[in-house]
Amino acid sequence: MADWAPIIIGLILFVLFSPGLLFQLPGKGRPVDFVNFQTSAISIFVHSLLFFGFMVIFLVAIKVHIGSG
């Protein structure tokens, strides 16, 4: 049985935490910018930490499993 949880959760979190797509933390002139389609090195670092943290929460702490069959 294949576990699809890491793939599906990773895809959703990747889209949600792409810097500049929905929000950017920290923004160019403000702490948070929404839908600006721009990025910076610090923003990439912050968003990758958020992505890693949420992946750990969903896959290790909560142990989400999505089976196929």
Protein backbone atom coordinates (compact mmCIF):
# COMPACT_ATOMS: atom_id res chain seq x y z
CA MET A 1 0.00 0.00 0.00
CA ALA A 2 1.42 3.36 -1.02
CA ASP A 3 1.25 6.32 1.33
CA TRP A 4 0.26 9.43 -0.64
CA ALA A 5 0.24 11.84 2.31
CA PRO A 6 3.80 13.21 1.85
CA ILE A 7 3.19 13.90 -1.84
CA ILE A 8 -0.21 15.56 -1.46
CA ILE A 9 0.67 17.55 1.66
CA GLY A 10 4.02 18.60 0.15
CA LEU A 11 2.33 19.81 -3.04
CA ILE A 12 -0.31 21.81 -1.17
CA LEU A 13 2.22 23.38 1.21
CA PHE A 14 4.59 24.17 -1.68
CA VAL A 15 1.87 26.16 -3.42
CA LEU A 16 0.73 27.88 -0.21
CA PHE A 17 4.25 28.79 0.94
CA SER A 18 5.70 29.93 -2.39
CA PRO A 19 7.09 33.40 -1.60
CA GLY A 20 5.07 36.13 -3.27
CA LEU A 21 2.27 33.91 -4.55
CA LEU A 22 -0.24 34.40 -1.72
CA PHE A 23 1.90 36.28 0.78
CA GLN A 24 5.52 37.21 1.39
CA LEU A 25 7.06 37.20 4.83
CA PRO A 26 8.94 39.61 5.28
CA GLY A 27 7.72 41.90 2.53
CA LYS A 28 9.69 44.53 0.66
CA GLY A 29 8.42 47.51 2.66
CA ARG A 30 6.13 45.92 5.22
CA PRO A 31 6.29 42.86 7.48
CA VAL A 32 3.79 41.01 5.25
CA ASP A 33 2.98 41.66 1.59
CA PHE A 34 0.09 39.94 -0.17
CA VAL A 35 0.15 38.78 -3.83
CA ASN A 36 3.12 40.80 -5.01
CA PHE A 37 4.90 38.07 -7.10
CA GLN A 38 8.31 39.22 -5.86
CA THR A 39 10.79 37.51 -3.58
CA SER A 40 14.04 38.00 -1.71
CA ALA A 41 16.65 35.73 -0.14
CA ILE A 42 15.35 36.24 3.40
CA SER A 43 11.80 35.58 2.21
CA ILE A 44 12.88 32.29 0.60
CA PHE A 45 14.57 31.29 3.85
CA VAL A 46 11.54 32.14 6.01
CA HIS A 47 9.13 30.34 3.68
CA SER A 48 11.35 27.24 3.55
CA LEU A 49 11.40 27.14 7.36
CA LEU A 50 7.60 27.41 7.40
CA PHE A 51 7.33 24.64 4.78
CA PHE A 52 9.64 22.35 6.74
CA GLY A 53 7.85 23.07 10.02
CA PHE A 54 4.42 22.28 8.64
CA MET A 55 5.67 19.13 6.89
CA VAL A 56 7.08 17.90 10.20
CA ILE A 57 3.84 18.73 12.01
CA PHE A 58 1.65 16.91 9.49
CA LEU A 59 3.84 13.89 8.77
CA VAL A 60 5.70 13.25 12.03
CA ALA A 61 3.65 14.76 14.85
CA ILE A 62 0.10 14.11 13.56
CA LYS A 63 1.11 11.09 11.38
CA VAL A 64 -1.25 11.79 8.50
CA HIS A 65 -1.59 8.82 6.12
CA ILE A 66 -3.49 8.64 2.85
CA GLY A 67 -3.60 5.07 1.56
CA SER A 68 -4.48 3.83 -1.90
CA GLY A 69 -6.60 0.77 -1.48
